[in-house]
Amino acid sequence: MDLTGKVAIVTGASKGIGRATVEALLARGAAVAGWARSAPTGLVHDRFQFFACDVQDEHSIAEAFTNTQRELGSEIHVLVNNAGLGIMGEVDGFRTEDWKTMFDTNVLGTFLCTRAVLPQMKKQHAGHIVNVASLAATAGTAGMSGYCATKYAVRGFSDALFKEVRPAGIRVTCVMPGSVETNFNGNEPGAEPSPYKMQPEAIADAIVHAIEAPDTTMVSEIQLRPANVKN
């Protein structure tokens, strides 16, 4: 897809992978709607619009979608389902509220945002949905059972979705990064880039690469890992 003049929605746009993806899409000529609970600090661009949105709430999503179409146009070409969070802990001490919060954000939010854009994409017979999962969707890790479960769900959803919407001309990509230097799990990125983590811009580049693939090609999954490992 040539992104020039296309309209893209990015959830979780205020920081990390979401913000980097917004900036990458803008650099490729797209108009971008950033959906998040808080606006990205210092991001000003004539093709960027921020819309407050809680992806756990379908009414909030409906409002953000209506506002996006009003401000950027009715056609929606790209949705990047990036909003997500991780809460760690062993199963026998895990709080029900935390489990529900993760599933409502990571899984329900992905479903609700996807459901919102699909009628328009089907009408266009064109569109690309990118779901940001994690390498936690490929192997379980002790102390991360809830997070892994949500990301396995996102991967499964993505796999089923692409088979469902491919006849309608819609492509679906599941992106599964390993360690990325972001605010994930409440951590703050270090003052100097970690040689053992990827930068959000690298993940954004992979997302744009999948979207810009030739119209005859669908990149269904991407796994990304840091090149350097600790001894």
C-alpha atoms as a PDB file:
ATOM      1  CA  MET A   1       0.000   0.000   0.000  1.00  0.00           C
ATOM      2  CA  ASP A   2       1.214   3.466  -0.886  1.00  0.00           C
ATOM      3  CA  LEU A   3       0.585   5.383   2.332  1.00  0.00           C
ATOM      4  CA  THR A   4       0.504   8.825   0.716  1.00  0.00           C
ATOM      5  CA  GLY A   5      -2.835  10.409   1.575  1.00  0.00           C
ATOM      6  CA  LYS A   6      -4.104   7.298   3.349  1.00  0.00           C
ATOM      7  CA  VAL A   7      -5.843   7.458   6.745  1.00  0.00           C
ATOM      8  CA  ALA A   8      -4.430   5.375   9.594  1.00  0.00           C
ATOM      9  CA  ILE A   9      -5.589   4.824  13.173  1.00  0.00           C
ATOM     10  CA  VAL A  10      -3.013   3.920  15.836  1.00  0.00           C
ATOM     11  CA  THR A  11      -4.139   2.933  19.334  1.00  0.00           C
ATOM     12  CA  GLY A  12      -1.907   3.464  22.345  1.00  0.00           C
ATOM     13  CA  ALA A  13      -0.423   6.382  20.430  1.00  0.00           C
ATOM     14  CA  SER A  14       0.916   8.433  23.334  1.00  0.00           C
ATOM     15  CA  LYS A  15       4.289   6.716  23.792  1.00  0.00           C
ATOM     16  CA  GLY A  16       6.521   3.781  22.922  1.00  0.00           C
ATOM     17  CA  ILE A  17       5.691   1.661  19.872  1.00  0.00           C
ATOM     18  CA  GLY A  18       2.434   3.554  19.295  1.00  0.00           C
ATOM     19  CA  ARG A  19       4.047   6.969  19.095  1.00  0.00           C
ATOM     20  CA  ALA A  20       6.918   5.658  16.961  1.00  0.00           C
ATOM     21  CA  THR A  21       4.374   4.125  14.585  1.00  0.00           C
ATOM     22  CA  VAL A  22       2.453   7.396  14.332  1.00  0.00           C
ATOM     23  CA  GLU A  23       5.660   9.208  13.417  1.00  0.00           C
ATOM     24  CA  ALA A  24       6.660   6.542  10.878  1.00  0.00           C
ATOM     25  CA  LEU A  25       3.263   6.675   9.178  1.00  0.00           C
ATOM     26  CA  LEU A  26       3.368  10.476   9.034  1.00  0.00           C
ATOM     27  CA  ALA A  27       6.817  10.281   7.457  1.00  0.00           C
ATOM     28  CA  ARG A  28       5.359   8.059   4.721  1.00  0.00           C
ATOM     29  CA  GLY A  29       2.623  10.577   3.906  1.00  0.00           C
ATOM     30  CA  ALA A  30      -0.343   9.190   5.825  1.00  0.00           C
ATOM     31  CA  ALA A  31      -2.891  11.150   7.842  1.00  0.00           C
ATOM     32  CA  VAL A  32      -2.934   9.627  11.318  1.00  0.00           C
ATOM     33  CA  ALA A  33      -5.515   9.476  14.088  1.00  0.00           C
ATOM     34  CA  GLY A  34      -3.871   8.737  17.412  1.00  0.00           C
ATOM     35  CA  TRP A  35      -6.186   7.028  19.898  1.00  0.00           C
ATOM     36  CA  ALA A  36      -5.081   6.903  23.525  1.00  0.00           C
ATOM     37  CA  ARG A  37      -6.125   7.972  26.996  1.00  0.00           C
ATOM     38  CA  SER A  38      -3.568  10.807  26.948  1.00  0.00           C
ATOM     39  CA  ALA A  39      -2.120  12.839  24.090  1.00  0.00           C
ATOM     40  CA  PRO A  40       1.481  12.315  22.959  1.00  0.00           C
ATOM     41  CA  THR A  41       3.573  15.131  24.389  1.00  0.00           C
ATOM     42  CA  GLY A  42       5.010  17.525  21.826  1.00  0.00           C
ATOM     43  CA  LEU A  43       3.670  15.748  18.749  1.00  0.00           C
ATOM     44  CA  VAL A  44       2.381  18.429  16.406  1.00  0.00           C
ATOM     45  CA  HIS A  45       1.791  17.732  12.714  1.00  0.00           C
ATOM     46  CA  ASP A  46      -0.740  18.992  10.205  1.00  0.00           C
ATOM     47  CA  ARG A  47      -1.698  15.405   9.335  1.00  0.00           C
ATOM     48  CA  PHE A  48      -2.011  14.193  12.931  1.00  0.00           C
ATOM     49  CA  GLN A  49      -5.161  14.301  15.061  1.00  0.00           C
ATOM     50  CA  PHE A  50      -5.403  13.036  18.625  1.00  0.00           C
ATOM     51  CA  PHE A  51      -8.661  11.549  19.905  1.00  0.00           C
ATOM     52  CA  ALA A  52      -9.069  10.537  23.545  1.00  0.00           C
ATOM     53  CA  CYS A  53     -10.059   6.876  23.623  1.00  0.00           C
ATOM     54  CA  ASP A  54     -10.211   4.033  26.132  1.00  0.00           C
ATOM     55  CA  VAL A  55     -10.042   0.821  24.108  1.00  0.00           C
ATOM     56  CA  GLN A  56     -11.760  -1.101  26.912  1.00  0.00           C
ATOM     57  CA  ASP A  57     -14.932   0.935  26.293  1.00  0.00           C
ATOM     58  CA  GLU A  58     -16.884   0.390  23.061  1.00  0.00           C
ATOM     59  CA  HIS A  59     -18.697   3.724  23.461  1.00  0.00           C
ATOM     60  CA  SER A  60     -15.346   5.536  23.680  1.00  0.00           C
ATOM     61  CA  ILE A  61     -14.191   3.713  20.546  1.00  0.00           C
ATOM     62  CA  ALA A  62     -17.393   4.596  18.670  1.00  0.00           C
ATOM     63  CA  GLU A  63     -16.908   8.262  19.550  1.00  0.00           C
ATOM     64  CA  ALA A  64     -13.243   8.241  18.506  1.00  0.00           C
ATOM     65  CA  PHE A  65     -14.136   6.521  15.229  1.00  0.00           C
ATOM     66  CA  THR A  66     -16.885   9.054  14.454  1.00  0.00           C
ATOM     67  CA  ASN A  67     -14.521  11.939  15.220  1.00  0.00           C
ATOM     68  CA  THR A  68     -11.775  10.376  13.085  1.00  0.00           C
ATOM     69  CA  GLN A  69     -14.044  10.107  10.063  1.00  0.00           C
ATOM     70  CA  ARG A  70     -15.297  13.647  10.580  1.00  0.00           C
ATOM     71  CA  GLU A  71     -11.799  15.131  10.786  1.00  0.00           C
ATOM     72  CA  LEU A  72      -9.802  12.901   8.420  1.00  0.00           C
ATOM     73  CA  GLY A  73     -12.401  11.490   6.021  1.00  0.00           C
ATOM     74  CA  SER A  74     -14.687   8.487   5.863  1.00  0.00           C
ATOM     75  CA  GLU A  75     -12.176   6.063   4.350  1.00  0.00           C
ATOM     76  CA  ILE A  76      -9.993   4.207   6.852  1.00  0.00           C
ATOM     77  CA  HIS A  77      -7.038   2.418   5.289  1.00  0.00           C
ATOM     78  CA  VAL A  78      -4.971   1.244   8.272  1.00  0.00           C
ATOM     79  CA  LEU A  79      -5.646   0.226  11.874  1.00  0.00           C
ATOM     80  CA  VAL A  80      -2.733  -0.504  14.186  1.00  0.00           C
ATOM     81  CA  ASN A  81      -4.011  -2.189  17.346  1.00  0.00           C
ATOM     82  CA  ASN A  82      -1.089  -1.341  19.605  1.00  0.00           C
ATOM     83  CA  ALA A  83      -2.716  -0.407  22.947  1.00  0.00           C
ATOM     84  CA  GLY A  84      -1.776  -2.930  25.586  1.00  0.00           C
ATOM     85  CA  LEU A  85      -0.335  -3.467  29.038  1.00  0.00           C
ATOM     86  CA  GLY A  86       1.399  -6.110  31.079  1.00  0.00           C
ATOM     87  CA  ILE A  87       0.910  -6.987  34.734  1.00  0.00           C
ATOM     88  CA  MET A  88       3.195  -9.689  36.066  1.00  0.00           C
ATOM     89  CA  GLY A  89       2.735 -12.111  38.923  1.00  0.00           C
ATOM     90  CA  GLU A  90       2.301 -15.736  39.864  1.00  0.00           C
ATOM     91  CA  VAL A  91      -1.117 -17.268  39.322  1.00  0.00           C
ATOM     92  CA  ASP A  92      -1.938 -18.046  42.942  1.00  0.00           C
ATOM     93  CA  GLY A  93      -1.405 -14.420  43.975  1.00  0.00           C
ATOM     94  CA  PHE A  94      -2.791 -12.713  40.882  1.00  0.00           C
ATOM     95  CA  ARG A  95      -5.643 -10.266  41.430  1.00  0.00           C
ATOM     96  CA  THR A  96      -8.824 -10.841  39.455  1.00  0.00           C
ATOM     97  CA  GLU A  97      -9.040  -7.115  38.667  1.00  0.00           C
ATOM     98  CA  ASP A  98      -5.560  -7.135  37.108  1.00  0.00           C
ATOM     99  CA  TRP A  99      -6.363 -10.219  35.024  1.00  0.00           C
ATOM    100  CA  LYS A 100      -9.548  -8.590  33.749  1.00  0.00           C
ATOM    101  CA  THR A 101      -7.792  -5.275  33.027  1.00  0.00           C
ATOM    102  CA  MET A 102      -5.209  -7.011  30.849  1.00  0.00           C
ATOM    103  CA  PHE A 103      -7.798  -8.982  28.894  1.00  0.00           C
ATOM    104  CA  ASP A 104     -10.075  -5.974  28.491  1.00  0.00           C
ATOM    105  CA  THR A 105      -7.200  -3.892  27.113  1.00  0.00           C
ATOM    106  CA  ASN A 106      -5.126  -6.380  25.136  1.00  0.00           C
ATOM    107  CA  VAL A 107      -7.844  -8.663  23.772  1.00  0.00           C
ATOM    108  CA  LEU A 108     -11.238  -6.977  24.040  1.00  0.00           C
ATOM    109  CA  GLY A 109      -9.743  -3.663  22.898  1.00  0.00           C
ATOM    110  CA  THR A 110      -8.233  -5.291  19.819  1.00  0.00           C
ATOM    111  CA  PHE A 111     -11.581  -6.884  18.963  1.00  0.00           C
ATOM    112  CA  LEU A 112     -13.625  -3.718  19.533  1.00  0.00           C
ATOM    113  CA  CYS A 113     -11.351  -1.478  17.453  1.00  0.00           C
ATOM    114  CA  THR A 114     -11.221  -4.050  14.673  1.00  0.00           C
ATOM    115  CA  ARG A 115     -14.986  -4.413  14.661  1.00  0.00           C
ATOM    116  CA  ALA A 116     -15.340  -0.634  14.421  1.00  0.00           C
ATOM    117  CA  VAL A 117     -13.277  -0.286  11.227  1.00  0.00           C
ATOM    118  CA  LEU A 118     -14.279  -3.446   9.354  1.00  0.00           C
ATOM    119  CA  PRO A 119     -17.565  -2.224   7.799  1.00  0.00           C
ATOM    120  CA  GLN A 120     -15.785   0.738   6.180  1.00  0.00           C
ATOM    121  CA  MET A 121     -12.817  -1.387   5.043  1.00  0.00           C
ATOM    122  CA  LYS A 122     -15.194  -3.944   3.523  1.00  0.00           C
ATOM    123  CA  LYS A 123     -17.065  -1.154   1.749  1.00  0.00           C
ATOM    124  CA  GLN A 124     -13.740   0.039   0.294  1.00  0.00           C
ATOM    125  CA  HIS A 125     -12.650  -3.547  -0.434  1.00  0.00           C
ATOM    126  CA  ALA A 126      -9.281  -2.461   0.968  1.00  0.00           C
ATOM    127  CA  GLY A 127      -7.551  -2.005   4.294  1.00  0.00           C
ATOM    128  CA  HIS A 128      -4.793  -3.289   6.546  1.00  0.00           C
ATOM    129  CA  ILE A 129      -5.104  -4.247  10.220  1.00  0.00           C
ATOM    130  CA  VAL A 130      -1.928  -4.667  12.270  1.00  0.00           C
ATOM    131  CA  ASN A 131      -2.217  -6.315  15.679  1.00  0.00           C
ATOM    132  CA  VAL A 132       0.768  -5.826  17.986  1.00  0.00           C
ATOM    133  CA  ALA A 133       1.184  -8.979  20.053  1.00  0.00           C
ATOM    134  CA  SER A 134       4.487 -10.177  21.547  1.00  0.00           C
ATOM    135  CA  LEU A 135       6.889 -13.083  21.533  1.00  0.00           C
ATOM    136  CA  ALA A 136       4.882 -13.964  24.648  1.00  0.00           C
ATOM    137  CA  ALA A 137       2.373 -15.262  22.067  1.00  0.00           C
ATOM    138  CA  THR A 138       4.830 -18.008  21.108  1.00  0.00           C
ATOM    139  CA  ALA A 139       5.977 -19.450  24.450  1.00  0.00           C
ATOM    140  CA  GLY A 140       4.816 -19.262  28.038  1.00  0.00           C
ATOM    141  CA  THR A 141       6.970 -17.655  30.729  1.00  0.00           C
ATOM    142  CA  ALA A 142       6.741 -18.196  34.482  1.00  0.00           C
ATOM    143  CA  GLY A 143       5.237 -15.196  36.248  1.00  0.00           C
ATOM    144  CA  MET A 144       3.664 -13.938  33.009  1.00  0.00           C
ATOM    145  CA  SER A 145       0.740 -16.312  32.586  1.00  0.00           C
ATOM    146  CA  GLY A 146      -1.904 -13.604  32.230  1.00  0.00           C
ATOM    147  CA  TYR A 147       0.108 -11.525  29.789  1.00  0.00           C
ATOM    148  CA  CYS A 148       1.036 -14.581  27.726  1.00  0.00           C
ATOM    149  CA  ALA A 149      -2.604 -15.641  27.631  1.00  0.00           C
ATOM    150  CA  THR A 150      -3.669 -12.261  26.231  1.00  0.00           C
ATOM    151  CA  LYS A 151      -0.987 -12.276  23.555  1.00  0.00           C
ATOM    152  CA  TYR A 152      -1.742 -15.868  22.538  1.00  0.00           C
ATOM    153  CA  ALA A 153      -5.334 -14.663  22.165  1.00  0.00           C
ATOM    154  CA  VAL A 154      -4.280 -11.726  19.976  1.00  0.00           C
ATOM    155  CA  ARG A 155      -2.231 -14.057  17.767  1.00  0.00           C
ATOM    156  CA  GLY A 156      -5.102 -16.510  17.436  1.00  0.00           C
ATOM    157  CA  PHE A 157      -7.528 -13.694  16.704  1.00  0.00           C
ATOM    158  CA  SER A 158      -5.185 -12.348  14.014  1.00  0.00           C
ATOM    159  CA  ASP A 159      -4.794 -15.746  12.359  1.00  0.00           C
ATOM    160  CA  ALA A 160      -8.542 -16.315  12.198  1.00  0.00           C
ATOM    161  CA  LEU A 161      -9.245 -12.723  11.173  1.00  0.00           C
ATOM    162  CA  PHE A 162      -6.977 -12.727   8.124  1.00  0.00           C
ATOM    163  CA  LYS A 163      -8.717 -15.833   6.806  1.00  0.00           C
ATOM    164  CA  GLU A 164     -12.100 -14.194   7.396  1.00  0.00           C
ATOM    165  CA  VAL A 165     -11.398 -10.841   5.737  1.00  0.00           C
ATOM    166  CA  ARG A 166      -8.897 -11.728   3.003  1.00  0.00           C
ATOM    167  CA  PRO A 167     -11.733 -12.291   0.480  1.00  0.00           C
ATOM    168  CA  ALA A 168     -12.862  -8.720   1.208  1.00  0.00           C
ATOM    169  CA  GLY A 169      -9.465  -7.300   0.177  1.00  0.00           C
ATOM    170  CA  ILE A 170      -8.318  -6.646   3.756  1.00  0.00           C
ATOM    171  CA  ARG A 171      -4.881  -7.689   4.978  1.00  0.00           C
ATOM    172  CA  VAL A 172      -3.995  -8.601   8.577  1.00  0.00           C
ATOM    173  CA  THR A 173      -0.546  -8.712  10.173  1.00  0.00           C
ATOM    174  CA  CYS A 174       0.379  -9.878  13.666  1.00  0.00           C
ATOM    175  CA  VAL A 175       3.611  -8.278  14.904  1.00  0.00           C
ATOM    176  CA  MET A 176       5.378 -10.057  17.758  1.00  0.00           C
ATOM    177  CA  PRO A 177       8.278  -8.109  19.282  1.00  0.00           C
ATOM    178  CA  GLY A 178      10.595  -9.326  21.997  1.00  0.00           C
ATOM    179  CA  SER A 179      12.173  -6.902  24.464  1.00  0.00           C
ATOM    180  CA  VAL A 180      11.575  -3.267  23.492  1.00  0.00           C
ATOM    181  CA  GLU A 181      12.796  -0.221  25.389  1.00  0.00           C
ATOM    182  CA  THR A 182       9.462   1.334  26.374  1.00  0.00           C
ATOM    183  CA  ASN A 183       7.403   2.079  29.487  1.00  0.00           C
ATOM    184  CA  PHE A 184       6.116  -1.506  29.475  1.00  0.00           C
ATOM    185  CA  ASN A 185       5.174  -2.843  32.925  1.00  0.00           C
ATOM    186  CA  GLY A 186       5.777   0.597  34.429  1.00  0.00           C
ATOM    187  CA  ASN A 187       9.491   0.638  33.599  1.00  0.00           C
ATOM    188  CA  GLU A 188      11.123   3.838  32.359  1.00  0.00           C
ATOM    189  CA  PRO A 189      13.507   3.681  29.381  1.00  0.00           C
ATOM    190  CA  GLY A 190      17.108   4.260  30.369  1.00  0.00           C
ATOM    191  CA  ALA A 191      19.007   7.458  29.614  1.00  0.00           C
ATOM    192  CA  GLU A 192      21.171   5.467  27.184  1.00  0.00           C
ATOM    193  CA  PRO A 193      19.648   2.899  24.779  1.00  0.00           C
ATOM    194  CA  SER A 194      20.026  -0.650  26.056  1.00  0.00           C
ATOM    195  CA  PRO A 195      22.072  -2.855  23.693  1.00  0.00           C
ATOM    196  CA  TYR A 196      19.867  -5.779  24.754  1.00  0.00           C
ATOM    197  CA  LYS A 197      16.529  -4.227  23.782  1.00  0.00           C
ATOM    198  CA  MET A 198      15.036  -3.056  20.526  1.00  0.00           C
ATOM    199  CA  GLN A 199      13.955   0.534  20.079  1.00  0.00           C
ATOM    200  CA  PRO A 200      10.292   1.397  19.371  1.00  0.00           C
ATOM    201  CA  GLU A 201      11.316   2.862  16.011  1.00  0.00           C
ATOM    202  CA  ALA A 202      12.510  -0.565  14.869  1.00  0.00           C
ATOM    203  CA  ILE A 203       9.094  -2.072  15.555  1.00  0.00           C
ATOM    204  CA  ALA A 204       7.403   0.849  13.802  1.00  0.00           C
ATOM    205  CA  ASP A 205       9.612   0.265  10.760  1.00  0.00           C
ATOM    206  CA  ALA A 206       8.519  -3.385  10.655  1.00  0.00           C
ATOM    207  CA  ILE A 207       4.865  -2.344  10.857  1.00  0.00           C
ATOM    208  CA  VAL A 208       5.282   0.102   7.974  1.00  0.00           C
ATOM    209  CA  HIS A 209       7.183  -2.541   5.977  1.00  0.00           C
ATOM    210  CA  ALA A 210       4.227  -4.924   6.267  1.00  0.00           C
ATOM    211  CA  ILE A 211       1.711  -2.238   5.311  1.00  0.00           C
ATOM    212  CA  GLU A 212       3.755  -1.126   2.296  1.00  0.00           C
ATOM    213  CA  ALA A 213       4.109  -4.663   0.927  1.00  0.00           C
ATOM    214  CA  PRO A 214       2.840  -5.066  -2.660  1.00  0.00           C
ATOM    215  CA  ASP A 215      -0.917  -5.417  -2.963  1.00  0.00           C
ATOM    216  CA  THR A 216      -0.461  -9.052  -4.006  1.00  0.00           C
ATOM    217  CA  THR A 217       1.387  -9.877  -0.780  1.00  0.00           C
ATOM    218  CA  MET A 218       0.245 -10.219   2.818  1.00  0.00           C
ATOM    219  CA  VAL A 219       2.792 -10.387   5.614  1.00  0.00           C
ATOM    220  CA  SER A 220       0.721 -12.383   8.092  1.00  0.00           C
ATOM    221  CA  GLU A 221       3.225 -12.567  10.987  1.00  0.00           C
ATOM    222  CA  ILE A 222       6.445 -10.857  11.998  1.00  0.00           C
ATOM    223  CA  GLN A 223       8.650 -11.938  14.914  1.00  0.00           C
ATOM    224  CA  LEU A 224      11.348  -9.511  16.092  1.00  0.00           C
ATOM    225  CA  ARG A 225      14.123 -10.153  18.612  1.00  0.00           C
ATOM    226  CA  PRO A 226      17.063  -8.114  19.921  1.00  0.00           C
ATOM    227  CA  ALA A 227      20.209  -8.935  17.957  1.00  0.00           C
ATOM    228  CA  ASN A 228      22.357  -8.844  21.118  1.00  0.00           C
ATOM    229  CA  VAL A 229      21.869 -11.174  24.069  1.00  0.00           C
ATOM    230  CA  LYS A 230      23.308 -11.061  27.571  1.00  0.00           C
ATOM    231  CA  ASN A 231      25.929 -13.697  28.328  1.00  0.00           C
END
